[in-house]
């Protein structure tokens, strides 16, 4: 009887501990920031690989929705160009659990910081992402995500010829991200 009572008490203690800790690792209302590293693998005819290092500052409105503004740098693999994306960030968290799926949408613009007359990188920046958020502490989490990245650019065709013209091209990429949320 003593063993059964000890076992029941142990299970109750573990169950109550798991419940109380679950809320500590979920999203908390208030300021929310994140630092993110991503790799975009170019897709299609105009695919260019690039790395991203981004910082997002925002506000968590409730258990499910946050919005913010982000910026950072991108380094393009082939051309070694550096670009500066600036975007609005909208994120939805789908469960109030320690590990929760999330979806993210970024809308903005990207400026080229490196000079390249033939292949500039100024244009729109759109990036939807889905992934998982793993709460590690009261206000910290690790996020893993995959998504799609579209960037627009006005590229000069027939460069330095009498037939030169400008054409809008969109760079399409699949992107993998890891972020630290604080």
C-alpha atoms as a PDB file:
ATOM      1  CA  UNK A   1       0.000   0.000   0.000  1.00  0.00           C
ATOM      2  CA  UNK A   2       2.844   2.344   0.850  1.00  0.00           C
ATOM      3  CA  UNK A   3       4.445   1.709  -2.573  1.00  0.00           C
ATOM      4  CA  UNK A   4       1.158   2.438  -4.396  1.00  0.00           C
ATOM      5  CA  UNK A   5       0.653   5.642  -2.395  1.00  0.00           C
ATOM      6  CA  UNK A   6       4.229   6.742  -3.194  1.00  0.00           C
ATOM      7  CA  UNK A   7       3.691   5.982  -6.874  1.00  0.00           C
ATOM      8  CA  UNK A   8       0.401   7.951  -6.976  1.00  0.00           C
ATOM      9  CA  UNK A   9       1.975  10.919  -5.177  1.00  0.00           C
ATOM     10  CA  UNK A  10       4.949  10.869  -7.564  1.00  0.00           C
ATOM     11  CA  UNK A  11       2.653  10.831 -10.613  1.00  0.00           C
ATOM     12  CA  UNK A  12       0.581  13.705  -9.236  1.00  0.00           C
ATOM     13  CA  UNK A  13       3.709  15.720  -8.537  1.00  0.00           C
ATOM     14  CA  UNK A  14       5.053  15.137 -12.056  1.00  0.00           C
ATOM     15  CA  UNK A  15       1.662  15.959 -13.598  1.00  0.00           C
ATOM     16  CA  UNK A  16       1.310  19.226 -11.678  1.00  0.00           C
ATOM     17  CA  UNK A  17       4.934  20.151 -12.433  1.00  0.00           C
ATOM     18  CA  UNK A  18       4.403  19.563 -16.162  1.00  0.00           C
ATOM     19  CA  UNK A  19       1.264  21.699 -16.159  1.00  0.00           C
ATOM     20  CA  UNK A  20       2.794  24.597 -14.269  1.00  0.00           C
ATOM     21  CA  UNK A  21       5.924  24.627 -16.444  1.00  0.00           C
ATOM     22  CA  UNK A  22       3.993  24.470 -19.706  1.00  0.00           C
ATOM     23  CA  UNK A  23       2.728  28.041 -19.310  1.00  0.00           C
ATOM     24  CA  UNK A  24       6.211  29.297 -18.447  1.00  0.00           C
ATOM     25  CA  UNK A  25       7.532  28.264 -21.875  1.00  0.00           C
ATOM     26  CA  UNK A  26       4.694  29.602 -24.041  1.00  0.00           C
ATOM     27  CA  UNK A  27       4.428  33.020 -25.662  1.00  0.00           C
ATOM     28  CA  UNK A  28       4.099  35.944 -23.266  1.00  0.00           C
ATOM     29  CA  UNK A  29       2.277  39.218 -23.965  1.00  0.00           C
ATOM     30  CA  UNK A  30       4.579  42.209 -24.434  1.00  0.00           C
ATOM     31  CA  UNK A  31       7.846  42.989 -26.228  1.00  0.00           C
ATOM     32  CA  UNK A  32       9.170  40.213 -28.440  1.00  0.00           C
ATOM     33  CA  UNK A  33      12.494  40.171 -30.265  1.00  0.00           C
ATOM     34  CA  UNK A  34      14.333  37.564 -32.290  1.00  0.00           C
ATOM     35  CA  UNK A  35      17.666  37.034 -33.985  1.00  0.00           C
ATOM     36  CA  UNK A  36      17.532  34.790 -37.026  1.00  0.00           C
ATOM     37  CA  UNK A  37      19.963  33.041 -39.353  1.00  0.00           C
ATOM     38  CA  UNK A  38      18.686  31.650 -42.630  1.00  0.00           C
ATOM     39  CA  UNK A  39      19.877  30.137 -45.891  1.00  0.00           C
ATOM     40  CA  UNK A  40      17.919  30.744 -49.083  1.00  0.00           C
ATOM     41  CA  UNK A  41      18.517  28.190 -51.840  1.00  0.00           C
ATOM     42  CA  UNK A  42      17.718  29.716 -55.204  1.00  0.00           C
ATOM     43  CA  UNK A  43      14.984  28.087 -57.282  1.00  0.00           C
ATOM     44  CA  UNK A  44      14.137  28.455 -60.966  1.00  0.00           C
ATOM     45  CA  UNK A  45      16.023  30.246 -63.731  1.00  0.00           C
ATOM     46  CA  UNK A  46      16.808  33.305 -61.609  1.00  0.00           C
ATOM     47  CA  UNK A  47      17.677  31.443 -58.410  1.00  0.00           C
ATOM     48  CA  UNK A  48      20.555  32.881 -56.398  1.00  0.00           C
ATOM     49  CA  UNK A  49      21.684  31.425 -53.052  1.00  0.00           C
ATOM     50  CA  UNK A  50      22.128  33.766 -50.124  1.00  0.00           C
ATOM     51  CA  UNK A  51      22.523  33.833 -46.367  1.00  0.00           C
ATOM     52  CA  UNK A  52      20.394  36.012 -44.095  1.00  0.00           C
ATOM     53  CA  UNK A  53      21.112  37.504 -40.684  1.00  0.00           C
ATOM     54  CA  UNK A  54      17.996  39.260 -39.383  1.00  0.00           C
ATOM     55  CA  UNK A  55      16.790  41.039 -36.246  1.00  0.00           C
ATOM     56  CA  UNK A  56      13.054  41.470 -35.568  1.00  0.00           C
ATOM     57  CA  UNK A  57      11.543  43.694 -32.854  1.00  0.00           C
ATOM     58  CA  UNK A  58       7.833  43.521 -32.183  1.00  0.00           C
ATOM     59  CA  UNK A  59       4.954  43.103 -29.796  1.00  0.00           C
ATOM     60  CA  UNK A  60       3.098  39.945 -28.747  1.00  0.00           C
ATOM     61  CA  UNK A  61      -0.558  41.040 -28.569  1.00  0.00           C
ATOM     62  CA  UNK A  62      -1.991  37.810 -27.113  1.00  0.00           C
ATOM     63  CA  UNK A  63      -1.294  34.058 -27.047  1.00  0.00           C
ATOM     64  CA  UNK A  64      -1.724  33.797 -30.807  1.00  0.00           C
ATOM     65  CA  UNK A  65      -0.558  36.910 -32.686  1.00  0.00           C
ATOM     66  CA  UNK A  66       2.473  39.208 -32.842  1.00  0.00           C
ATOM     67  CA  UNK A  67       3.628  41.928 -35.214  1.00  0.00           C
ATOM     68  CA  UNK A  68       6.908  43.746 -35.602  1.00  0.00           C
ATOM     69  CA  UNK A  69       9.518  45.340 -37.818  1.00  0.00           C
ATOM     70  CA  UNK A  70      12.694  43.632 -38.933  1.00  0.00           C
ATOM     71  CA  UNK A  71      15.941  44.317 -40.748  1.00  0.00           C
ATOM     72  CA  UNK A  72      19.295  42.684 -41.300  1.00  0.00           C
ATOM     73  CA  UNK A  73      21.690  41.777 -44.074  1.00  0.00           C
ATOM     74  CA  UNK A  74      21.791  39.229 -46.852  1.00  0.00           C
ATOM     75  CA  UNK A  75      24.989  38.007 -48.492  1.00  0.00           C
ATOM     76  CA  UNK A  76      24.510  36.676 -52.034  1.00  0.00           C
ATOM     77  CA  UNK A  77      26.682  33.649 -52.793  1.00  0.00           C
ATOM     78  CA  UNK A  78      27.673  34.141 -56.448  1.00  0.00           C
ATOM     79  CA  UNK A  79      27.942  37.935 -56.702  1.00  0.00           C
ATOM     80  CA  UNK A  80      29.070  38.519 -53.079  1.00  0.00           C
ATOM     81  CA  UNK A  81      26.618  41.425 -52.933  1.00  0.00           C
ATOM     82  CA  UNK A  82      25.200  42.603 -49.611  1.00  0.00           C
ATOM     83  CA  UNK A  83      21.567  43.687 -49.356  1.00  0.00           C
ATOM     84  CA  UNK A  84      19.500  45.252 -46.594  1.00  0.00           C
ATOM     85  CA  UNK A  85      15.911  43.993 -46.219  1.00  0.00           C
ATOM     86  CA  UNK A  86      13.443  46.019 -44.129  1.00  0.00           C
ATOM     87  CA  UNK A  87      10.071  44.384 -43.515  1.00  0.00           C
ATOM     88  CA  UNK A  88       6.899  44.174 -41.469  1.00  0.00           C
ATOM     89  CA  UNK A  89       6.640  40.841 -39.646  1.00  0.00           C
ATOM     90  CA  UNK A  90       3.336  39.124 -38.762  1.00  0.00           C
ATOM     91  CA  UNK A  91       3.415  35.864 -36.780  1.00  0.00           C
ATOM     92  CA  UNK A  92       0.723  33.481 -35.543  1.00  0.00           C
ATOM     93  CA  UNK A  93       1.349  30.797 -32.911  1.00  0.00           C
ATOM     94  CA  UNK A  94      -1.236  28.019 -33.100  1.00  0.00           C
ATOM     95  CA  UNK A  95      -1.063  26.299 -29.688  1.00  0.00           C
ATOM     96  CA  UNK A  96      -0.465  27.433 -26.126  1.00  0.00           C
ATOM     97  CA  UNK A  97       2.135  24.719 -25.497  1.00  0.00           C
ATOM     98  CA  UNK A  98       5.889  24.442 -24.968  1.00  0.00           C
ATOM     99  CA  UNK A  99       6.320  23.190 -28.546  1.00  0.00           C
ATOM    100  CA  UNK A 100       3.948  24.899 -30.945  1.00  0.00           C
ATOM    101  CA  UNK A 101       3.624  25.295 -34.714  1.00  0.00           C
ATOM    102  CA  UNK A 102       3.792  28.846 -36.058  1.00  0.00           C
ATOM    103  CA  UNK A 103       3.341  30.725 -39.337  1.00  0.00           C
ATOM    104  CA  UNK A 104       5.070  33.942 -40.263  1.00  0.00           C
ATOM    105  CA  UNK A 105       4.651  36.470 -43.090  1.00  0.00           C
ATOM    106  CA  UNK A 106       7.163  39.192 -43.933  1.00  0.00           C
ATOM    107  CA  UNK A 107       6.410  42.014 -46.363  1.00  0.00           C
ATOM    108  CA  UNK A 108       8.922  44.714 -47.208  1.00  0.00           C
ATOM    109  CA  UNK A 109      11.631  46.056 -49.466  1.00  0.00           C
ATOM    110  CA  UNK A 110      15.296  45.204 -49.992  1.00  0.00           C
ATOM    111  CA  UNK A 111      18.100  47.647 -50.886  1.00  0.00           C
ATOM    112  CA  UNK A 112      21.437  46.721 -52.431  1.00  0.00           C
ATOM    113  CA  UNK A 113      24.392  47.926 -50.362  1.00  0.00           C
ATOM    114  CA  UNK A 114      26.943  46.813 -52.967  1.00  0.00           C
ATOM    115  CA  UNK A 115      27.339  48.506 -56.345  1.00  0.00           C
ATOM    116  CA  UNK A 116      26.302  46.369 -59.301  1.00  0.00           C
ATOM    117  CA  UNK A 117      24.883  48.174 -62.333  1.00  0.00           C
ATOM    118  CA  UNK A 118      23.998  45.031 -64.289  1.00  0.00           C
ATOM    119  CA  UNK A 119      22.390  43.018 -61.477  1.00  0.00           C
ATOM    120  CA  UNK A 120      21.046  45.314 -58.723  1.00  0.00           C
ATOM    121  CA  UNK A 121      19.086  43.767 -55.869  1.00  0.00           C
ATOM    122  CA  UNK A 122      16.648  46.581 -54.993  1.00  0.00           C
ATOM    123  CA  UNK A 123      13.041  45.411 -54.871  1.00  0.00           C
ATOM    124  CA  UNK A 124      10.164  43.854 -52.956  1.00  0.00           C
ATOM    125  CA  UNK A 125      10.751  41.320 -50.181  1.00  0.00           C
ATOM    126  CA  UNK A 126       8.056  38.714 -49.401  1.00  0.00           C
ATOM    127  CA  UNK A 127       8.682  35.683 -47.198  1.00  0.00           C
ATOM    128  CA  UNK A 128       6.013  33.321 -45.766  1.00  0.00           C
ATOM    129  CA  UNK A 129       7.334  30.703 -43.307  1.00  0.00           C
ATOM    130  CA  UNK A 130       5.980  27.773 -41.282  1.00  0.00           C
ATOM    131  CA  UNK A 131       7.766  25.980 -38.476  1.00  0.00           C
ATOM    132  CA  UNK A 132       7.924  25.058 -34.808  1.00  0.00           C
ATOM    133  CA  UNK A 133       8.571  27.210 -31.754  1.00  0.00           C
ATOM    134  CA  UNK A 134      10.193  25.497 -28.772  1.00  0.00           C
ATOM    135  CA  UNK A 135       9.840  27.477 -25.521  1.00  0.00           C
ATOM    136  CA  UNK A 136      13.066  27.294 -23.518  1.00  0.00           C
ATOM    137  CA  UNK A 137      12.313  29.777 -20.744  1.00  0.00           C
ATOM    138  CA  UNK A 138       9.813  32.396 -19.684  1.00  0.00           C
ATOM    139  CA  UNK A 139      10.708  34.808 -22.493  1.00  0.00           C
ATOM    140  CA  UNK A 140      13.005  32.726 -24.698  1.00  0.00           C
ATOM    141  CA  UNK A 141      12.436  30.217 -27.458  1.00  0.00           C
ATOM    142  CA  UNK A 142      14.151  28.467 -30.331  1.00  0.00           C
ATOM    143  CA  UNK A 143      12.327  28.528 -33.662  1.00  0.00           C
ATOM    144  CA  UNK A 144      12.943  26.311 -36.689  1.00  0.00           C
ATOM    145  CA  UNK A 145      11.192  27.134 -39.937  1.00  0.00           C
ATOM    146  CA  UNK A 146      11.075  26.584 -43.665  1.00  0.00           C
ATOM    147  CA  UNK A 147       9.560  28.933 -46.177  1.00  0.00           C
ATOM    148  CA  UNK A 148       9.621  30.680 -49.484  1.00  0.00           C
ATOM    149  CA  UNK A 149      11.357  33.944 -50.318  1.00  0.00           C
ATOM    150  CA  UNK A 150      10.583  36.217 -53.261  1.00  0.00           C
ATOM    151  CA  UNK A 151      12.664  39.303 -54.004  1.00  0.00           C
ATOM    152  CA  UNK A 152      12.111  41.657 -56.905  1.00  0.00           C
ATOM    153  CA  UNK A 153      14.819  43.465 -58.827  1.00  0.00           C
ATOM    154  CA  UNK A 154      15.028  45.696 -61.905  1.00  0.00           C
ATOM    155  CA  UNK A 155      17.797  44.125 -63.968  1.00  0.00           C
ATOM    156  CA  UNK A 156      19.440  45.722 -66.983  1.00  0.00           C
ATOM    157  CA  UNK A 157      19.324  43.484 -70.055  1.00  0.00           C
ATOM    158  CA  UNK A 158      21.778  43.894 -72.976  1.00  0.00           C
ATOM    159  CA  UNK A 159      23.979  45.881 -70.588  1.00  0.00           C
ATOM    160  CA  UNK A 160      26.167  48.595 -72.188  1.00  0.00           C
ATOM    161  CA  UNK A 161      24.684  48.131 -75.651  1.00  0.00           C
ATOM    162  CA  UNK A 162      22.387  50.401 -77.684  1.00  0.00           C
ATOM    163  CA  UNK A 163      19.553  47.902 -77.015  1.00  0.00           C
ATOM    164  CA  UNK A 164      19.831  48.145 -73.201  1.00  0.00           C
ATOM    165  CA  UNK A 165      16.529  47.986 -71.289  1.00  0.00           C
ATOM    166  CA  UNK A 166      15.385  47.385 -67.719  1.00  0.00           C
ATOM    167  CA  UNK A 167      13.280  44.374 -66.781  1.00  0.00           C
ATOM    168  CA  UNK A 168      11.738  43.410 -63.442  1.00  0.00           C
ATOM    169  CA  UNK A 169      12.894  39.966 -62.335  1.00  0.00           C
ATOM    170  CA  UNK A 170      11.866  38.014 -59.249  1.00  0.00           C
ATOM    171  CA  UNK A 171      14.355  35.847 -57.378  1.00  0.00           C
ATOM    172  CA  UNK A 172      12.577  32.789 -55.935  1.00  0.00           C
ATOM    173  CA  UNK A 173      14.137  30.752 -53.125  1.00  0.00           C
ATOM    174  CA  UNK A 174      13.342  28.044 -50.600  1.00  0.00           C
ATOM    175  CA  UNK A 175      14.579  29.139 -47.197  1.00  0.00           C
ATOM    176  CA  UNK A 176      15.517  27.352 -43.960  1.00  0.00           C
ATOM    177  CA  UNK A 177      15.670  29.424 -40.760  1.00  0.00           C
ATOM    178  CA  UNK A 178      16.733  29.086 -37.163  1.00  0.00           C
ATOM    179  CA  UNK A 179      15.874  31.874 -34.733  1.00  0.00           C
ATOM    180  CA  UNK A 180      16.425  32.700 -31.095  1.00  0.00           C
ATOM    181  CA  UNK A 181      13.440  34.531 -29.614  1.00  0.00           C
ATOM    182  CA  UNK A 182      13.845  36.736 -26.554  1.00  0.00           C
END
